[in-house]
Amino acid sequence: MIKLFSLKQQKKDGVDPNSRSAGQKKATAAQLRVTKDINELSLPRTCQVEFPDKDDLLNFKLVICPDEGFYRGGQFVFSFKIGQAYPHEPPKVKCETKVYHPNIDLDGNICLNILREDWKPVLTVNSLIYGLQYLFLEPNPEDPLNKEAAEVLQTNRRVFEQNVYKSLRGGNIGNVYFERCLKQ
C-alpha cells in the first residue's frame, strides 16, 4: 500500500520520492537536448568546441578557423549560452573576437537568421556551427549589422578584402582598432 502522507511530506521537503538519491538532480529538458546535440556533433575540421566547465554543457565556446575565403587564417571565438527554454528558443551566441564583418557588429552580435526569426526546435547546435562557419565563407552584405563593412563589400570588394586582412593582422580600420587574430 502506498503511504500518501509520506509521499506528500517528501515533496513538501523538496525530496523527489522517485529519485534514487536525494542529492541527485534531474536533468532539465534543455540539458538533455544539449547532451544529445553535443553527442551528435559532426564538426568540420575548421571548428573546435571547448567546454570551460566540463559539468556545464549549456555554456561553451566555439573556435572557427576558416581555411578559405576572406577570413582564412583567422581564429574567431564564439560563446554559446543555452537557456532552459532550449530547443524552443535559440541559444545566445556572441562573437568574442572583434572582427571586420558585415554580419557581426563590433559588440559581437551576430546577424544569422537561424539565431533569430528562422529558429526552429528541430535545429541543433550543429546547425548553428555550420551557419556561423558559412558567414565566414560567404559574408552577406544584404542583411548587415556592420553597415560600413557591408557597404565596402558591395562597392569595392578589393578594399573589403584589404580591410579584412588588415583587421586579421591587427590594426586600425577607420578609428576602430582590431586585435590580431591570425592563428600562430
C-alpha atoms as a PDB file:
ATOM      1  CA  MET A   1       0.000   0.000   0.000  1.00  0.00           C
ATOM      2  CA  ILE A   2       1.294   3.484  -0.901  1.00  0.00           C
ATOM      3  CA  LYS A   3       1.682   5.810   2.010  1.00  0.00           C
ATOM      4  CA  LEU A   4       0.261   9.016   0.541  1.00  0.00           C
ATOM      5  CA  PHE A   5       1.072  11.087   3.575  1.00  0.00           C
ATOM      6  CA  SER A   6       4.788  10.247   3.416  1.00  0.00           C
ATOM      7  CA  LEU A   7       4.894  10.993  -0.349  1.00  0.00           C
ATOM      8  CA  LYS A   8       3.266  14.376   0.250  1.00  0.00           C
ATOM      9  CA  GLN A   9       5.713  15.094   3.070  1.00  0.00           C
ATOM     10  CA  GLN A  10       8.698  14.165   0.864  1.00  0.00           C
ATOM     11  CA  LYS A  11       7.509  16.508  -1.885  1.00  0.00           C
ATOM     12  CA  LYS A  12       6.943  19.243   0.681  1.00  0.00           C
ATOM     13  CA  ASP A  13      10.507  18.747   1.948  1.00  0.00           C
ATOM     14  CA  GLY A  14      11.839  19.042  -1.625  1.00  0.00           C
ATOM     15  CA  VAL A  15      12.740  15.382  -1.969  1.00  0.00           C
ATOM     16  CA  ASP A  16      11.670  13.616  -5.144  1.00  0.00           C
ATOM     17  CA  PRO A  17      10.281  10.271  -3.981  1.00  0.00           C
ATOM     18  CA  ASN A  18      11.087   8.748  -7.398  1.00  0.00           C
ATOM     19  CA  SER A  19      14.785   9.635  -7.329  1.00  0.00           C
ATOM     20  CA  ARG A  20      17.362   7.084  -6.275  1.00  0.00           C
ATOM     21  CA  SER A  21      19.255   9.554  -4.152  1.00  0.00           C
ATOM     22  CA  ALA A  22      18.042  12.734  -2.517  1.00  0.00           C
ATOM     23  CA  GLY A  23      21.216  14.627  -3.597  1.00  0.00           C
ATOM     24  CA  GLN A  24      20.818  13.775  -7.271  1.00  0.00           C
ATOM     25  CA  LYS A  25      19.301  16.442  -9.541  1.00  0.00           C
ATOM     26  CA  LYS A  26      17.146  15.582 -12.507  1.00  0.00           C
ATOM     27  CA  ALA A  27      18.423  16.859 -15.839  1.00  0.00           C
ATOM     28  CA  THR A  28      16.302  19.575 -17.419  1.00  0.00           C
ATOM     29  CA  ALA A  29      14.859  19.216 -20.914  1.00  0.00           C
ATOM     30  CA  ALA A  30      17.439  21.733 -22.179  1.00  0.00           C
ATOM     31  CA  GLN A  31      20.305  19.748 -20.637  1.00  0.00           C
ATOM     32  CA  LEU A  32      19.030  16.500 -22.142  1.00  0.00           C
ATOM     33  CA  ARG A  33      18.675  18.053 -25.599  1.00  0.00           C
ATOM     34  CA  VAL A  34      22.094  19.741 -25.461  1.00  0.00           C
ATOM     35  CA  THR A  35      23.689  16.463 -24.381  1.00  0.00           C
ATOM     36  CA  LYS A  36      22.104  14.790 -27.410  1.00  0.00           C
ATOM     37  CA  ASP A  37      23.220  17.651 -29.695  1.00  0.00           C
ATOM     38  CA  ILE A  38      26.803  17.512 -28.387  1.00  0.00           C
ATOM     39  CA  ASN A  39      26.972  13.724 -28.746  1.00  0.00           C
ATOM     40  CA  GLU A  40      25.814  14.014 -32.362  1.00  0.00           C
ATOM     41  CA  LEU A  41      28.194  16.853 -33.329  1.00  0.00           C
ATOM     42  CA  SER A  42      29.970  16.399 -36.620  1.00  0.00           C
ATOM     43  CA  LEU A  43      32.364  19.321 -36.687  1.00  0.00           C
ATOM     44  CA  PRO A  44      34.164  20.485 -39.797  1.00  0.00           C
ATOM     45  CA  ARG A  45      37.949  20.431 -39.431  1.00  0.00           C
ATOM     46  CA  THR A  46      37.928  24.234 -39.136  1.00  0.00           C
ATOM     47  CA  CYS A  47      35.837  24.221 -35.936  1.00  0.00           C
ATOM     48  CA  GLN A  48      36.504  23.197 -32.363  1.00  0.00           C
ATOM     49  CA  VAL A  49      34.220  23.202 -29.316  1.00  0.00           C
ATOM     50  CA  GLU A  50      35.637  23.930 -25.845  1.00  0.00           C
ATOM     51  CA  PHE A  51      33.879  23.445 -22.513  1.00  0.00           C
ATOM     52  CA  PRO A  52      35.425  25.690 -19.823  1.00  0.00           C
ATOM     53  CA  ASP A  53      33.367  23.820 -17.197  1.00  0.00           C
ATOM     54  CA  LYS A  54      33.013  20.129 -18.082  1.00  0.00           C
ATOM     55  CA  ASP A  55      29.899  19.884 -15.882  1.00  0.00           C
ATOM     56  CA  ASP A  56      28.124  22.730 -17.694  1.00  0.00           C
ATOM     57  CA  LEU A  57      27.123  21.796 -21.235  1.00  0.00           C
ATOM     58  CA  LEU A  58      24.855  24.860 -21.510  1.00  0.00           C
ATOM     59  CA  ASN A  59      27.816  27.258 -21.738  1.00  0.00           C
ATOM     60  CA  PHE A  60      30.667  26.618 -24.123  1.00  0.00           C
ATOM     61  CA  LYS A  61      32.973  28.174 -26.706  1.00  0.00           C
ATOM     62  CA  LEU A  62      33.257  27.548 -30.417  1.00  0.00           C
ATOM     63  CA  VAL A  63      36.502  28.365 -32.235  1.00  0.00           C
ATOM     64  CA  ILE A  64      36.279  28.779 -36.014  1.00  0.00           C
ATOM     65  CA  CYS A  65      39.499  28.915 -38.065  1.00  0.00           C
ATOM     66  CA  PRO A  66      38.457  29.412 -41.708  1.00  0.00           C
ATOM     67  CA  ASP A  67      40.794  27.833 -44.245  1.00  0.00           C
ATOM     68  CA  GLU A  68      39.394  29.676 -47.271  1.00  0.00           C
ATOM     69  CA  GLY A  69      37.742  32.955 -48.205  1.00  0.00           C
ATOM     70  CA  PHE A  70      38.415  36.458 -46.903  1.00  0.00           C
ATOM     71  CA  TYR A  71      38.917  35.256 -43.316  1.00  0.00           C
ATOM     72  CA  ARG A  72      41.295  32.325 -43.937  1.00  0.00           C
ATOM     73  CA  GLY A  73      43.972  32.067 -41.285  1.00  0.00           C
ATOM     74  CA  GLY A  74      41.899  33.891 -38.685  1.00  0.00           C
ATOM     75  CA  GLN A  75      40.740  32.457 -35.383  1.00  0.00           C
ATOM     76  CA  PHE A  76      37.322  33.517 -34.111  1.00  0.00           C
ATOM     77  CA  VAL A  77      35.844  32.614 -30.735  1.00  0.00           C
ATOM     78  CA  PHE A  78      32.090  32.442 -30.104  1.00  0.00           C
ATOM     79  CA  SER A  79      30.377  31.974 -26.747  1.00  0.00           C
ATOM     80  CA  PHE A  80      27.206  29.899 -26.551  1.00  0.00           C
ATOM     81  CA  LYS A  81      24.769  30.332 -23.668  1.00  0.00           C
ATOM     82  CA  ILE A  82      21.867  27.929 -23.846  1.00  0.00           C
ATOM     83  CA  GLY A  83      18.811  28.777 -21.778  1.00  0.00           C
ATOM     84  CA  GLN A  84      16.315  26.471 -20.118  1.00  0.00           C
ATOM     85  CA  ALA A  85      13.814  27.086 -22.943  1.00  0.00           C
ATOM     86  CA  TYR A  86      16.119  25.362 -25.463  1.00  0.00           C
ATOM     87  CA  PRO A  87      15.262  23.939 -28.016  1.00  0.00           C
ATOM     88  CA  HIS A  88      12.161  26.141 -28.194  1.00  0.00           C
ATOM     89  CA  GLU A  89      14.363  29.240 -28.096  1.00  0.00           C
ATOM     90  CA  PRO A  90      17.754  29.580 -29.784  1.00  0.00           C
ATOM     91  CA  PRO A  91      20.973  29.833 -27.781  1.00  0.00           C
ATOM     92  CA  LYS A  92      22.502  33.247 -27.168  1.00  0.00           C
ATOM     93  CA  VAL A  93      25.636  33.371 -29.298  1.00  0.00           C
ATOM     94  CA  LYS A  94      28.215  36.176 -29.256  1.00  0.00           C
ATOM     95  CA  CYS A  95      31.440  36.617 -31.163  1.00  0.00           C
ATOM     96  CA  GLU A  96      34.182  37.306 -28.617  1.00  0.00           C
ATOM     97  CA  THR A  97      36.722  38.195 -31.307  1.00  0.00           C
ATOM     98  CA  LYS A  98      36.371  41.704 -32.700  1.00  0.00           C
ATOM     99  CA  VAL A  99      36.040  41.207 -36.429  1.00  0.00           C
ATOM    100  CA  TYR A 100      35.501  43.377 -39.513  1.00  0.00           C
ATOM    101  CA  HIS A 101      32.466  41.569 -40.895  1.00  0.00           C
ATOM    102  CA  PRO A 102      29.154  42.747 -42.394  1.00  0.00           C
ATOM    103  CA  ASN A 103      27.117  40.277 -40.310  1.00  0.00           C
ATOM    104  CA  ILE A 104      28.914  40.705 -36.970  1.00  0.00           C
ATOM    105  CA  ASP A 105      28.941  44.068 -35.233  1.00  0.00           C
ATOM    106  CA  LEU A 106      31.777  45.422 -33.112  1.00  0.00           C
ATOM    107  CA  ASP A 107      29.998  44.290 -29.923  1.00  0.00           C
ATOM    108  CA  GLY A 108      29.932  40.663 -31.115  1.00  0.00           C
ATOM    109  CA  ASN A 109      26.251  40.495 -32.052  1.00  0.00           C
ATOM    110  CA  ILE A 110      25.595  38.184 -34.980  1.00  0.00           C
ATOM    111  CA  CYS A 111      23.111  38.560 -37.809  1.00  0.00           C
ATOM    112  CA  LEU A 112      22.209  34.976 -38.682  1.00  0.00           C
ATOM    113  CA  ASN A 113      18.583  34.155 -39.461  1.00  0.00           C
ATOM    114  CA  ILE A 114      18.580  30.837 -37.555  1.00  0.00           C
ATOM    115  CA  LEU A 115      19.610  32.683 -34.394  1.00  0.00           C
ATOM    116  CA  ARG A 116      16.502  34.862 -34.718  1.00  0.00           C
ATOM    117  CA  GLU A 117      13.281  34.600 -36.696  1.00  0.00           C
ATOM    118  CA  ASP A 118      14.069  31.344 -38.522  1.00  0.00           C
ATOM    119  CA  TRP A 119      14.941  29.349 -35.397  1.00  0.00           C
ATOM    120  CA  LYS A 120      13.016  26.083 -35.098  1.00  0.00           C
ATOM    121  CA  PRO A 121      13.267  23.443 -32.353  1.00  0.00           C
ATOM    122  CA  VAL A 122      14.436  20.853 -34.907  1.00  0.00           C
ATOM    123  CA  LEU A 123      17.647  22.864 -35.432  1.00  0.00           C
ATOM    124  CA  THR A 124      20.662  21.775 -33.403  1.00  0.00           C
ATOM    125  CA  VAL A 125      23.947  23.138 -32.115  1.00  0.00           C
ATOM    126  CA  ASN A 126      25.495  21.529 -35.201  1.00  0.00           C
ATOM    127  CA  SER A 127      23.181  23.601 -37.449  1.00  0.00           C
ATOM    128  CA  LEU A 128      24.325  26.795 -35.728  1.00  0.00           C
ATOM    129  CA  ILE A 129      28.001  25.883 -36.054  1.00  0.00           C
ATOM    130  CA  TYR A 130      27.642  25.328 -39.787  1.00  0.00           C
ATOM    131  CA  GLY A 131      25.664  28.588 -40.095  1.00  0.00           C
ATOM    132  CA  LEU A 132      28.404  30.544 -38.312  1.00  0.00           C
ATOM    133  CA  GLN A 133      31.103  28.910 -40.406  1.00  0.00           C
ATOM    134  CA  TYR A 134      29.186  29.825 -43.563  1.00  0.00           C
ATOM    135  CA  LEU A 135      29.183  33.507 -42.543  1.00  0.00           C
ATOM    136  CA  PHE A 136      32.982  33.472 -42.895  1.00  0.00           C
ATOM    137  CA  LEU A 137      32.858  31.766 -46.285  1.00  0.00           C
ATOM    138  CA  GLU A 138      30.066  33.958 -47.706  1.00  0.00           C
ATOM    139  CA  PRO A 139      29.521  37.246 -45.820  1.00  0.00           C
ATOM    140  CA  ASN A 140      26.055  38.624 -46.592  1.00  0.00           C
ATOM    141  CA  PRO A 141      26.056  42.387 -47.246  1.00  0.00           C
ATOM    142  CA  GLU A 142      22.265  42.293 -47.869  1.00  0.00           C
ATOM    143  CA  ASP A 143      21.457  41.781 -44.154  1.00  0.00           C
ATOM    144  CA  PRO A 144      24.206  43.660 -42.269  1.00  0.00           C
ATOM    145  CA  LEU A 145      24.858  44.549 -38.662  1.00  0.00           C
ATOM    146  CA  ASN A 146      28.076  46.341 -39.595  1.00  0.00           C
ATOM    147  CA  LYS A 147      26.692  48.593 -42.317  1.00  0.00           C
ATOM    148  CA  GLU A 148      30.076  50.161 -43.115  1.00  0.00           C
ATOM    149  CA  ALA A 149      31.705  46.778 -43.826  1.00  0.00           C
ATOM    150  CA  ALA A 150      28.671  45.732 -45.881  1.00  0.00           C
ATOM    151  CA  GLU A 151      28.824  48.893 -47.983  1.00  0.00           C
ATOM    152  CA  VAL A 152      32.534  48.406 -48.680  1.00  0.00           C
ATOM    153  CA  LEU A 153      31.910  44.759 -49.654  1.00  0.00           C
ATOM    154  CA  GLN A 154      29.173  45.829 -52.068  1.00  0.00           C
ATOM    155  CA  THR A 155      31.026  48.762 -53.622  1.00  0.00           C
ATOM    156  CA  ASN A 156      34.675  47.684 -53.625  1.00  0.00           C
ATOM    157  CA  ARG A 157      35.439  44.015 -52.972  1.00  0.00           C
ATOM    158  CA  ARG A 158      39.204  44.593 -53.157  1.00  0.00           C
ATOM    159  CA  VAL A 159      39.157  47.277 -50.444  1.00  0.00           C
ATOM    160  CA  PHE A 160      36.950  44.998 -48.335  1.00  0.00           C
ATOM    161  CA  GLU A 161      39.494  42.184 -48.688  1.00  0.00           C
ATOM    162  CA  GLN A 162      42.320  44.570 -47.713  1.00  0.00           C
ATOM    163  CA  ASN A 163      40.352  45.759 -44.662  1.00  0.00           C
ATOM    164  CA  VAL A 164      39.686  42.172 -43.561  1.00  0.00           C
ATOM    165  CA  TYR A 165      43.358  41.263 -43.915  1.00  0.00           C
ATOM    166  CA  LYS A 166      44.411  44.407 -42.014  1.00  0.00           C
ATOM    167  CA  SER A 167      41.961  43.557 -39.209  1.00  0.00           C
ATOM    168  CA  LEU A 168      43.224  39.955 -39.012  1.00  0.00           C
ATOM    169  CA  ARG A 169      46.843  41.158 -38.667  1.00  0.00           C
ATOM    170  CA  GLY A 170      45.848  43.671 -36.028  1.00  0.00           C
ATOM    171  CA  GLY A 171      45.380  47.315 -36.877  1.00  0.00           C
ATOM    172  CA  ASN A 172      43.009  50.186 -37.411  1.00  0.00           C
ATOM    173  CA  ILE A 173      40.235  50.431 -39.940  1.00  0.00           C
ATOM    174  CA  GLY A 174      38.987  53.974 -39.687  1.00  0.00           C
ATOM    175  CA  ASN A 175      39.020  54.744 -35.981  1.00  0.00           C
ATOM    176  CA  VAL A 176      38.404  51.139 -34.858  1.00  0.00           C
ATOM    177  CA  TYR A 177      41.300  49.010 -33.607  1.00  0.00           C
ATOM    178  CA  PHE A 178      41.252  45.253 -34.185  1.00  0.00           C
ATOM    179  CA  GLU A 179      43.420  42.854 -32.179  1.00  0.00           C
ATOM    180  CA  ARG A 180      45.487  40.380 -34.153  1.00  0.00           C
ATOM    181  CA  CYS A 181      43.505  37.158 -34.616  1.00  0.00           C
ATOM    182  CA  LEU A 182      45.634  35.197 -37.087  1.00  0.00           C
ATOM    183  CA  LYS A 183      46.460  31.644 -35.993  1.00  0.00           C
ATOM    184  CA  GLN A 184      50.055  31.190 -34.940  1.00  0.00           C
END
